[in-house]
Protein backbone atom coordinates (compact mmCIF):
# COMPACT_ATOMS: atom_id res chain seq x y z
CA UNK A 1 0.00 0.00 0.00
CA UNK A 2 1.37 3.42 -0.89
CA UNK A 3 2.64 5.37 2.10
CA UNK A 4 2.91 2.34 4.38
CA UNK A 5 6.39 1.43 5.55
CA UNK A 6 7.76 -2.06 4.99
CA UNK A 7 9.12 -1.83 8.53
CA UNK A 8 6.47 -0.12 10.68
CA UNK A 9 8.55 -0.54 13.85
CA UNK A 10 11.44 1.38 12.25
CA UNK A 11 14.88 1.46 13.81
CA UNK A 12 15.38 0.08 17.27
CA UNK A 13 15.61 2.94 19.76
CA UNK A 14 19.19 3.80 20.61
CA UNK A 15 20.60 2.24 17.44
CA UNK A 16 23.61 4.20 16.18
CA UNK A 17 24.36 5.04 12.58
CA UNK A 18 27.74 4.49 10.92
CA UNK A 19 28.89 8.10 11.40
CA UNK A 20 28.34 7.91 15.15
CA UNK A 21 30.08 4.53 15.39
CA UNK A 22 32.99 5.83 13.30
CA UNK A 23 33.35 8.94 15.46
CA UNK A 24 33.35 6.81 18.61
CA UNK A 25 35.97 4.46 17.14
CA UNK A 26 38.21 7.37 16.14
CA UNK A 27 37.91 8.86 19.65
CA UNK A 28 38.79 5.51 21.23
CA UNK A 29 41.77 4.95 18.93
CA UNK A 30 43.01 8.49 19.61
CA UNK A 31 42.70 7.96 23.36
CA UNK A 32 44.47 4.58 23.28
CA UNK A 33 47.35 5.99 21.20
CA UNK A 34 47.54 9.29 23.09
CA UNK A 35 47.03 11.38 19.92
CA UNK A 36 44.30 13.75 18.85
CA UNK A 37 41.38 12.72 16.64
CA UNK A 38 42.65 14.73 13.67
CA UNK A 39 45.76 12.54 13.55
CA UNK A 40 43.65 9.39 13.45
CA UNK A 41 41.52 10.81 10.60
CA UNK A 42 44.71 11.79 8.78
CA UNK A 43 46.03 8.23 8.97
CA UNK A 44 42.69 6.86 7.71
CA UNK A 45 42.64 9.26 4.78
CA UNK A 46 46.25 8.47 3.89
CA UNK A 47 45.47 4.75 4.03
CA UNK A 48 42.44 5.22 1.82
CA UNK A 49 44.46 7.24 -0.67
CA UNK A 50 47.19 4.61 -0.72
CA UNK A 51 44.66 1.83 -1.28
CA UNK A 52 42.92 3.80 -4.07
CA UNK A 53 46.26 4.53 -5.73
CA UNK A 54 46.88 0.78 -5.83
CA UNK A 55 43.48 0.16 -7.43
CA UNK A 56 41.44 -0.69 -4.31
CA UNK A 57 38.80 2.04 -4.27
CA UNK A 58 36.36 0.13 -2.09
CA UNK A 59 38.17 0.90 1.18
CA UNK A 60 37.98 4.62 0.50
CA UNK A 61 34.54 4.58 -1.12
CA UNK A 62 32.90 2.51 1.62
CA UNK A 63 34.09 4.74 4.43
CA UNK A 64 33.27 7.99 2.64
CA UNK A 65 29.88 6.77 1.40
CA UNK A 66 28.90 5.51 4.82
CA UNK A 67 30.18 8.56 6.69
CA UNK A 68 29.05 11.35 4.36
CA UNK A 69 26.39 9.58 2.29
CA UNK A 70 26.61 8.51 -1.33
CA UNK A 71 27.26 11.19 -3.93
CA UNK A 72 24.28 12.08 -6.07
CA UNK A 73 24.34 10.89 -9.67
CA UNK A 74 24.41 14.01 -11.81
CA UNK A 75 23.73 12.08 -14.98
CA UNK A 76 26.93 12.98 -16.80
């Protein structure tokens, strides 16, 4: 039926999205390694760049798509 959700219960209350989980993981890694969060993000971005340069775009794409959302198709 139009307008009726396939999952009427929706998300379980308190369920975290990927961005929240990623932020928490970065904070924990930073705390464990006694560095700031920016340094952890920098390492992740460098790793993603290195992987993409070697032909593995999925590492980079998965993290960016999940964190920021998928890019819109502009139809080019």
